[in-house]
PDB file of N, CA and C in Angstrom:
ATOM      1  N   MET A   1       0.842  -1.176   0.000  1.00  0.00           N
ATOM      2  CA  MET A   1       0.000   0.000   0.000  1.00  0.00           C
ATOM      3  C   MET A   1       0.891   1.244   0.000  1.00  0.00           C
ATOM      4  N   ASN A   2       0.534   2.230  -0.822  1.00  0.00           N
ATOM      5  CA  ASN A   2       1.283   3.483  -0.874  1.00  0.00           C
ATOM      6  C   ASN A   2       0.980   4.340   0.335  1.00  0.00           C
ATOM      7  N   GLU A   3       1.991   5.044   0.810  1.00  0.00           N
ATOM      8  CA  GLU A   3       1.803   5.950   1.937  1.00  0.00           C
ATOM      9  C   GLU A   3       1.362   7.307   1.393  1.00  0.00           C
ATOM     10  N   SER A   4       0.319   7.872   1.979  1.00  0.00           N
ATOM     11  CA  SER A   4      -0.186   9.167   1.535  1.00  0.00           C
ATOM     12  C   SER A   4       0.734  10.284   1.993  1.00  0.00           C
ATOM     13  N   GLU A   5       0.775  11.333   1.186  1.00  0.00           N
ATOM     14  CA  GLU A   5       1.567  12.510   1.518  1.00  0.00           C
ATOM     15  C   GLU A   5       0.650  13.722   1.514  1.00  0.00           C
ATOM     16  N   LYS A   6       0.676  14.484   2.580  1.00  0.00           N
ATOM     17  CA  LYS A   6      -0.153  15.685   2.676  1.00  0.00           C
ATOM     18  C   LYS A   6       0.566  16.837   1.975  1.00  0.00           C
ATOM     19  N   ILE A   7      -0.123  17.463   1.011  1.00  0.00           N
ATOM     20  CA  ILE A   7       0.452  18.571   0.250  1.00  0.00           C
ATOM     21  C   ILE A   7      -0.495  19.759   0.335  1.00  0.00           C
ATOM     22  N   LYS A   8       0.022  20.910   0.727  1.00  0.00           N
ATOM     23  CA  LYS A   8      -0.797  22.119   0.750  1.00  0.00           C
ATOM     24  C   LYS A   8      -1.196  22.462  -0.682  1.00  0.00           C
ATOM     25  N   GLY A   9      -2.446  22.906  -0.857  1.00  0.00           N
ATOM     26  CA  GLY A   9      -2.979  23.185  -2.188  1.00  0.00           C
ATOM     27  C   GLY A   9      -2.099  24.073  -3.055  1.00  0.00           C
ATOM     28  N   LEU A  10      -1.586  25.166  -2.493  1.00  0.00           N
ATOM     29  CA  LEU A  10      -0.752  26.069  -3.285  1.00  0.00           C
ATOM     30  C   LEU A  10       0.541  25.414  -3.735  1.00  0.00           C
ATOM     31  N   ASP A  11       0.986  24.404  -3.012  1.00  0.00           N
ATOM     32  CA  ASP A  11       2.220  23.719  -3.381  1.00  0.00           C
ATOM     33  C   ASP A  11       2.038  22.800  -4.585  1.00  0.00           C
ATOM     34  N   THR A  12       0.806  22.637  -5.063  1.00  0.00           N
ATOM     35  CA  THR A  12       0.583  21.828  -6.262  1.00  0.00           C
ATOM     36  C   THR A  12       0.837  22.639  -7.532  1.00  0.00           C
ATOM     37  N   ILE A  13       1.035  23.954  -7.386  1.00  0.00           N
ATOM     38  CA  ILE A  13       1.331  24.798  -8.542  1.00  0.00           C
ATOM     39  C   ILE A  13       2.803  24.636  -8.878  1.00  0.00           C
ATOM     40  N   LEU A  14       3.061  24.148 -10.076  1.00  0.00           N
ATOM     41  CA  LEU A  14       4.435  23.974 -10.523  1.00  0.00           C
ATOM     42  C   LEU A  14       4.959  25.303 -11.049  1.00  0.00           C
ATOM     43  N   GLY A  15       6.240  25.514 -10.912  1.00  0.00           N
ATOM     44  CA  GLY A  15       6.848  26.744 -11.417  1.00  0.00           C
ATOM     45  C   GLY A  15       6.776  26.820 -12.933  1.00  0.00           C
ATOM     46  N   LEU A  16       6.702  28.020 -13.450  1.00  0.00           N
ATOM     47  CA  LEU A  16       6.659  28.230 -14.889  1.00  0.00           C
ATOM     48  C   LEU A  16       8.056  28.514 -15.414  1.00  0.00           C
ATOM     49  N   ALA A  17       8.327  28.048 -16.614  1.00  0.00           N
ATOM     50  CA  ALA A  17       9.562  28.412 -17.294  1.00  0.00           C
ATOM     51  C   ALA A  17       9.240  29.608 -18.178  1.00  0.00           C
ATOM     52  N   GLY A  18       9.956  30.686 -17.994  1.00  0.00           N
ATOM     53  CA  GLY A  18       9.697  31.875 -18.795  1.00  0.00           C
ATOM     54  C   GLY A  18       8.574  32.717 -18.215  1.00  0.00           C
ATOM     55  N   ILE A  19       8.183  33.717 -18.961  1.00  0.00           N
ATOM     56  CA  ILE A  19       7.138  34.642 -18.518  1.00  0.00           C
ATOM     57  C   ILE A  19       5.871  34.357 -19.319  1.00  0.00           C
ATOM     58  N   PRO A  20       4.743  34.117 -18.635  1.00  0.00           N
ATOM     59  CA  PRO A  20       3.500  33.859 -19.367  1.00  0.00           C
ATOM     60  C   PRO A  20       3.027  35.119 -20.093  1.00  0.00           C
ATOM     61  N   PRO A  21       2.279  34.948 -21.179  1.00  0.00           N
ATOM     62  CA  PRO A  21       1.775  36.112 -21.909  1.00  0.00           C
ATOM     63  C   PRO A  21       0.798  36.927 -21.061  1.00  0.00           C
ATOM     64  N   GLU A  22       0.612  38.189 -21.436  1.00  0.00           N
ATOM     65  CA  GLU A  22      -0.314  39.076 -20.722  1.00  0.00           C
ATOM     66  C   GLU A  22      -1.759  38.619 -20.889  1.00  0.00           C
ATOM     67  N   ASN A  23      -2.063  38.012 -22.032  1.00  0.00           N
ATOM     68  CA  ASN A  23      -3.406  37.479 -22.271  1.00  0.00           C
ATOM     69  C   ASN A  23      -3.275  36.032 -22.721  1.00  0.00           C
ATOM     70  N   ILE A  24      -4.064  35.179 -22.108  1.00  0.00           N
ATOM     71  CA  ILE A  24      -4.035  33.753 -22.409  1.00  0.00           C
ATOM     72  C   ILE A  24      -5.415  33.361 -22.924  1.00  0.00           C
ATOM     73  N   GLU A  25      -5.454  32.795 -24.118  1.00  0.00           N
ATOM     74  CA  GLU A  25      -6.736  32.373 -24.683  1.00  0.00           C
ATOM     75  C   GLU A  25      -7.128  31.016 -24.117  1.00  0.00           C
ATOM     76  N   VAL A  26      -8.398  30.886 -23.738  1.00  0.00           N
ATOM     77  CA  VAL A  26      -8.922  29.621 -23.223  1.00  0.00           C
ATOM     78  C   VAL A  26     -10.111  29.189 -24.065  1.00  0.00           C
ATOM     79  N   ASP A  27     -10.265  27.901 -24.186  1.00  0.00           N
ATOM     80  CA  ASP A  27     -11.384  27.315 -24.914  1.00  0.00           C
ATOM     81  C   ASP A  27     -12.677  27.487 -24.123  1.00  0.00           C
ATOM     82  N   ARG A  28     -13.773  27.711 -24.788  1.00  0.00           N
ATOM     83  CA  ARG A  28     -15.079  27.818 -24.130  1.00  0.00           C
ATOM     84  C   ARG A  28     -15.366  26.547 -23.333  1.00  0.00           C
ATOM     85  N   LYS A  29     -15.013  25.365 -23.881  1.00  0.00           N
ATOM     86  CA  LYS A  29     -15.266  24.097 -23.186  1.00  0.00           C
ATOM     87  C   LYS A  29     -14.497  24.027 -21.869  1.00  0.00           C
ATOM     88  N   MET A  30     -13.252  24.524 -21.861  1.00  0.00           N
ATOM     89  CA  MET A  30     -12.458  24.523 -20.640  1.00  0.00           C
ATOM     90  C   MET A  30     -13.099  25.437 -19.595  1.00  0.00           C
ATOM     91  N   LEU A  31     -13.550  26.594 -20.014  1.00  0.00           N
ATOM     92  CA  LEU A  31     -14.199  27.540 -19.106  1.00  0.00           C
ATOM     93  C   LEU A  31     -15.495  26.950 -18.555  1.00  0.00           C
ATOM     94  N   ASP A  32     -16.290  26.323 -19.415  1.00  0.00           N
ATOM     95  CA  ASP A  32     -17.541  25.699 -18.971  1.00  0.00           C
ATOM     96  C   ASP A  32     -17.273  24.571 -17.975  1.00  0.00           C
ATOM     97  N   ALA A  33     -16.209  23.788 -18.208  1.00  0.00           N
ATOM     98  CA  ALA A  33     -15.852  22.707 -17.278  1.00  0.00           C
ATOM     99  C   ALA A  33     -15.475  23.283 -15.912  1.00  0.00           C
ATOM    100  N   GLY A  34     -14.725  24.379 -15.902  1.00  0.00           N
ATOM    101  CA  GLY A  34     -14.352  25.031 -14.646  1.00  0.00           C
ATOM    102  C   GLY A  34     -15.558  25.565 -13.900  1.00  0.00           C
ATOM    103  N   THR A  35     -16.498  26.165 -14.639  1.00  0.00           N
ATOM    104  CA  THR A  35     -17.716  26.692 -14.027  1.00  0.00           C
ATOM    105  C   THR A  35     -18.549  25.559 -13.441  1.00  0.00           C
ATOM    106  N   SER A  36     -18.649  24.444 -14.166  1.00  0.00           N
ATOM    107  CA  SER A  36     -19.391  23.281 -13.658  1.00  0.00           C
ATOM    108  C   SER A  36     -18.736  22.726 -12.404  1.00  0.00           C
ATOM    109  N   LEU A  37     -17.415  22.608 -12.415  1.00  0.00           N
ATOM    110  CA  LEU A  37     -16.695  22.109 -11.247  1.00  0.00           C
ATOM    111  C   LEU A  37     -16.913  23.028 -10.050  1.00  0.00           C
ATOM    112  N   MET A  38     -16.878  24.335 -10.289  1.00  0.00           N
ATOM    113  CA  MET A  38     -17.111  25.304  -9.219  1.00  0.00           C
ATOM    114  C   MET A  38     -18.479  25.062  -8.578  1.00  0.00           C
ATOM    115  N   ARG A  39     -19.497  24.873  -9.391  1.00  0.00           N
ATOM    116  CA  ARG A  39     -20.856  24.681  -8.866  1.00  0.00           C
ATOM    117  C   ARG A  39     -20.991  23.361  -8.108  1.00  0.00           C
ATOM    118  N   VAL A  40     -20.394  22.293  -8.623  1.00  0.00           N
ATOM    119  CA  VAL A  40     -20.453  20.980  -7.966  1.00  0.00           C
ATOM    120  C   VAL A  40     -19.730  21.029  -6.625  1.00  0.00           C
ATOM    121  N   TRP A  41     -18.565  21.629  -6.590  1.00  0.00           N
ATOM    122  CA  TRP A  41     -17.802  21.715  -5.343  1.00  0.00           C
ATOM    123  C   TRP A  41     -18.496  22.610  -4.327  1.00  0.00           C
ATOM    124  N   ASN A  42     -19.090  23.726  -4.779  1.00  0.00           N
ATOM    125  CA  ASN A  42     -19.757  24.646  -3.851  1.00  0.00           C
ATOM    126  C   ASN A  42     -20.872  23.955  -3.081  1.00  0.00           C
ATOM    127  N   VAL A  43     -21.582  23.029  -3.713  1.00  0.00           N
ATOM    128  CA  VAL A  43     -22.659  22.292  -3.048  1.00  0.00           C
ATOM    129  C   VAL A  43     -22.109  21.483  -1.870  1.00  0.00           C
ATOM    130  N   LYS A  44     -20.855  21.074  -1.971  1.00  0.00           N
ATOM    131  CA  LYS A  44     -20.206  20.288  -0.910  1.00  0.00           C
ATOM    132  C   LYS A  44     -19.336  21.167  -0.008  1.00  0.00           C
ATOM    133  N   PHE A  45     -19.570  22.484  -0.067  1.00  0.00           N
ATOM    134  CA  PHE A  45     -18.870  23.455   0.786  1.00  0.00           C
ATOM    135  C   PHE A  45     -17.370  23.500   0.517  1.00  0.00           C
ATOM    136  N   LEU A  46     -17.000  23.273  -0.745  1.00  0.00           N
ATOM    137  CA  LEU A  46     -15.618  23.406  -1.193  1.00  0.00           C
ATOM    138  C   LEU A  46     -15.552  24.564  -2.178  1.00  0.00           C
ATOM    139  N   ALA A  47     -14.426  25.227  -2.225  1.00  0.00           N
ATOM    140  CA  ALA A  47     -14.257  26.334  -3.161  1.00  0.00           C
ATOM    141  C   ALA A  47     -13.348  25.907  -4.310  1.00  0.00           C
ATOM    142  N   PHE A  48     -13.758  26.236  -5.507  1.00  0.00           N
ATOM    143  CA  PHE A  48     -12.925  26.047  -6.690  1.00  0.00           C
ATOM    144  C   PHE A  48     -12.395  27.429  -7.029  1.00  0.00           C
ATOM    145  N   LEU A  49     -11.113  27.659  -6.764  1.00  0.00           N
ATOM    146  CA  LEU A  49     -10.529  28.984  -6.928  1.00  0.00           C
ATOM    147  C   LEU A  49      -9.427  28.953  -7.979  1.00  0.00           C
ATOM    148  N   PRO A  50      -9.677  29.529  -9.154  1.00  0.00           N
ATOM    149  CA  PRO A  50      -8.604  29.589 -10.145  1.00  0.00           C
ATOM    150  C   PRO A  50      -7.520  30.550  -9.661  1.00  0.00           C
ATOM    151  N   LEU A  51      -6.265  30.140  -9.815  1.00  0.00           N
ATOM    152  CA  LEU A  51      -5.129  30.941  -9.352  1.00  0.00           C
ATOM    153  C   LEU A  51      -4.217  31.306 -10.510  1.00  0.00           C
ATOM    154  N   CYS A  52      -3.608  32.471 -10.419  1.00  0.00           N
ATOM    155  CA  CYS A  52      -2.581  32.884 -11.369  1.00  0.00           C
ATOM    156  C   CYS A  52      -1.310  32.105 -11.037  1.00  0.00           C
ATOM    157  N   PHE A  53      -0.793  31.334 -11.994  1.00  0.00           N
ATOM    158  CA  PHE A  53       0.426  30.564 -11.752  1.00  0.00           C
ATOM    159  C   PHE A  53       1.605  31.471 -11.444  1.00  0.00           C
ATOM    160  N   LYS A  54       1.657  32.663 -12.040  1.00  0.00           N
ATOM    161  CA  LYS A  54       2.781  33.573 -11.826  1.00  0.00           C
ATOM    162  C   LYS A  54       2.737  34.186 -10.434  1.00  0.00           C
ATOM    163  N   CYS A  55       1.566  34.685 -10.027  1.00  0.00           N
ATOM    164  CA  CYS A  55       1.436  35.428  -8.766  1.00  0.00           C
ATOM    165  C   CYS A  55       0.899  34.592  -7.605  1.00  0.00           C
ATOM    166  N   LYS A  56       0.295  33.447  -7.919  1.00  0.00           N
ATOM    167  CA  LYS A  56      -0.406  32.621  -6.927  1.00  0.00           C
ATOM    168  C   LYS A  56      -1.515  33.421  -6.234  1.00  0.00           C
ATOM    169  N   GLU A  57      -2.145  34.301  -7.011  1.00  0.00           N
ATOM    170  CA  GLU A  57      -3.276  35.100  -6.535  1.00  0.00           C
ATOM    171  C   GLU A  57      -4.567  34.469  -7.045  1.00  0.00           C
ATOM    172  N   ILE A  58      -5.625  34.588  -6.260  1.00  0.00           N
ATOM    173  CA  ILE A  58      -6.942  34.130  -6.705  1.00  0.00           C
ATOM    174  C   ILE A  58      -7.424  35.069  -7.803  1.00  0.00           C
ATOM    175  N   LEU A  59      -7.857  34.490  -8.918  1.00  0.00           N
ATOM    176  CA  LEU A  59      -8.304  35.289 -10.054  1.00  0.00           C
ATOM    177  C   LEU A  59      -9.723  35.802  -9.851  1.00  0.00           C
ATOM    178  N   ASP A  60      -9.995  36.970 -10.425  1.00  0.00           N
ATOM    179  CA  ASP A  60     -11.365  37.465 -10.513  1.00  0.00           C
ATOM    180  C   ASP A  60     -12.014  36.734 -11.683  1.00  0.00           C
ATOM    181  N   TRP A  61     -13.239  36.239 -11.471  1.00  0.00           N
ATOM    182  CA  TRP A  61     -13.934  35.407 -12.457  1.00  0.00           C
ATOM    183  C   TRP A  61     -15.124  36.194 -12.987  1.00  0.00           C
ATOM    184  N   TRP A  62     -15.169  36.415 -14.297  1.00  0.00           N
ATOM    185  CA  TRP A  62     -16.276  37.131 -14.933  1.00  0.00           C
ATOM    186  C   TRP A  62     -17.260  36.115 -15.494  1.00  0.00           C
ATOM    187  N   ILE A  63     -18.484  36.085 -14.946  1.00  0.00           N
ATOM    188  CA  ILE A  63     -19.529  35.164 -15.419  1.00  0.00           C
ATOM    189  C   ILE A  63     -20.765  35.984 -15.757  1.00  0.00           C
ATOM    190  N   PRO A  64     -21.164  36.042 -17.021  1.00  0.00           N
ATOM    191  CA  PRO A  64     -20.458  35.542 -18.204  1.00  0.00           C
ATOM    192  C   PRO A  64     -19.240  36.418 -18.497  1.00  0.00           C
ATOM    193  N   PRO A  65     -18.392  35.991 -19.429  1.00  0.00           N
ATOM    194  CA  PRO A  65     -17.229  36.809 -19.782  1.00  0.00           C
ATOM    195  C   PRO A  65     -17.650  38.209 -20.245  1.00  0.00           C
ATOM    196  N   THR A  66     -16.728  39.163 -20.123  1.00  0.00           N
ATOM    197  CA  THR A  66     -17.006  40.545 -20.531  1.00  0.00           C
ATOM    198  C   THR A  66     -17.227  40.613 -22.037  1.00  0.00           C
ATOM    199  N   ASP A  67     -17.628  41.785 -22.516  1.00  0.00           N
ATOM    200  CA  ASP A  67     -17.816  41.978 -23.959  1.00  0.00           C
ATOM    201  C   ASP A  67     -16.528  41.731 -24.742  1.00  0.00           C
ATOM    202  N   ASP A  68     -15.384  41.932 -24.092  1.00  0.00           N
ATOM    203  CA  ASP A  68     -14.087  41.671 -24.727  1.00  0.00           C
ATOM    204  C   ASP A  68     -13.671  40.209 -24.608  1.00  0.00           C
ATOM    205  N   GLY A  69     -14.500  39.379 -23.977  1.00  0.00           N
ATOM    206  CA  GLY A  69     -14.202  37.952 -23.833  1.00  0.00           C
ATOM    207  C   GLY A  69     -13.381  37.595 -22.611  1.00  0.00           C
ATOM    208  N   VAL A  70     -13.106  38.579 -21.728  1.00  0.00           N
ATOM    209  CA  VAL A  70     -12.311  38.297 -20.532  1.00  0.00           C
ATOM    210  C   VAL A  70     -13.135  37.445 -19.571  1.00  0.00           C
ATOM    211  N   ALA A  71     -12.594  36.274 -19.224  1.00  0.00           N
ATOM    212  CA  ALA A  71     -13.279  35.365 -18.308  1.00  0.00           C
ATOM    213  C   ALA A  71     -12.627  35.382 -16.929  1.00  0.00           C
ATOM    214  N   LEU A  72     -11.303  35.545 -16.902  1.00  0.00           N
ATOM    215  CA  LEU A  72     -10.547  35.549 -15.651  1.00  0.00           C
ATOM    216  C   LEU A  72      -9.513  36.667 -15.711  1.00  0.00           C
ATOM    217  N   GLU A  73      -9.237  37.265 -14.534  1.00  0.00           N
ATOM    218  CA  GLU A  73      -8.248  38.341 -14.485  1.00  0.00           C
ATOM    219  C   GLU A  73      -7.510  38.298 -13.152  1.00  0.00           C
ATOM    220  N   CYS A  74      -6.188  38.428 -13.204  1.00  0.00           N
ATOM    221  CA  CYS A  74      -5.387  38.451 -11.982  1.00  0.00           C
ATOM    222  C   CYS A  74      -5.405  39.870 -11.411  1.00  0.00           C
ATOM    223  N   PRO A  75      -5.836  40.034 -10.154  1.00  0.00           N
ATOM    224  CA  PRO A  75      -5.894  41.374  -9.574  1.00  0.00           C
ATOM    225  C   PRO A  75      -4.509  41.969  -9.312  1.00  0.00           C
ATOM    226  N   LYS A  76      -3.469  41.123  -9.294  1.00  0.00           N
ATOM    227  CA  LYS A  76      -2.117  41.610  -8.998  1.00  0.00           C
ATOM    228  C   LYS A  76      -1.358  42.011 -10.269  1.00  0.00           C
ATOM    229  N   CYS A  77      -1.226  41.070 -11.220  1.00  0.00           N
ATOM    230  CA  CYS A  77      -0.437  41.352 -12.430  1.00  0.00           C
ATOM    231  C   CYS A  77      -1.300  41.796 -13.612  1.00  0.00           C
ATOM    232  N   ARG A  78      -2.620  41.777 -13.451  1.00  0.00           N
ATOM    233  CA  ARG A  78      -3.601  42.189 -14.469  1.00  0.00           C
ATOM    234  C   ARG A  78      -3.610  41.276 -15.695  1.00  0.00           C
ATOM    235  N   ARG A  79      -2.962  40.105 -15.616  1.00  0.00           N
ATOM    236  CA  ARG A  79      -2.996  39.117 -16.700  1.00  0.00           C
ATOM    237  C   ARG A  79      -4.445  38.686 -16.898  1.00  0.00           C
ATOM    238  N   THR A  80      -4.853  38.433 -18.135  1.00  0.00           N
ATOM    239  CA  THR A  80      -6.232  38.034 -18.411  1.00  0.00           C
ATOM    240  C   THR A  80      -6.268  36.700 -19.153  1.00  0.00           C
ATOM    241  N   TRP A  81      -7.389  36.016 -18.991  1.00  0.00           N
ATOM    242  CA  TRP A  81      -7.695  34.790 -19.713  1.00  0.00           C
ATOM    243  C   TRP A  81      -8.981  35.070 -20.474  1.00  0.00           C
ATOM    244  N   THR A  82      -8.911  35.004 -21.803  1.00  0.00           N
ATOM    245  CA  THR A  82     -10.073  35.329 -22.626  1.00  0.00           C
ATOM    246  C   THR A  82     -10.553  34.098 -23.383  1.00  0.00           C
ATOM    247  N   VAL A  83     -11.850  34.090 -23.645  1.00  0.00           N
ATOM    248  CA  VAL A  83     -12.480  32.987 -24.373  1.00  0.00           C
ATOM    249  C   VAL A  83     -12.183  33.152 -25.855  1.00  0.00           C
ATOM    250  N   LYS A  84     -11.747  32.059 -26.487  1.00  0.00           N
ATOM    251  CA  LYS A  84     -11.488  32.063 -27.942  1.00  0.00           C
ATOM    252  C   LYS A  84     -12.779  32.177 -28.701  1.00  0.00           C
TER     253      LYS A  84
END
């Protein structure tokens, strides 16, 4: 039997090589899957919080996306994730 290892949630974020772009395009299906997961987890009193890999900040989530297609935005570095 494998021995379990306790890992803090933020420690599951792997470091990035290089600098991520200021705007990252995301598929509508990926965004819909995240929204569904958020709703399923909320019913069980869990939070689904998208984080900026660069800043490890909780992203602001626009539901529905803005007129410019922005779905997620980092409040610290202002990086955005837009729907393709």
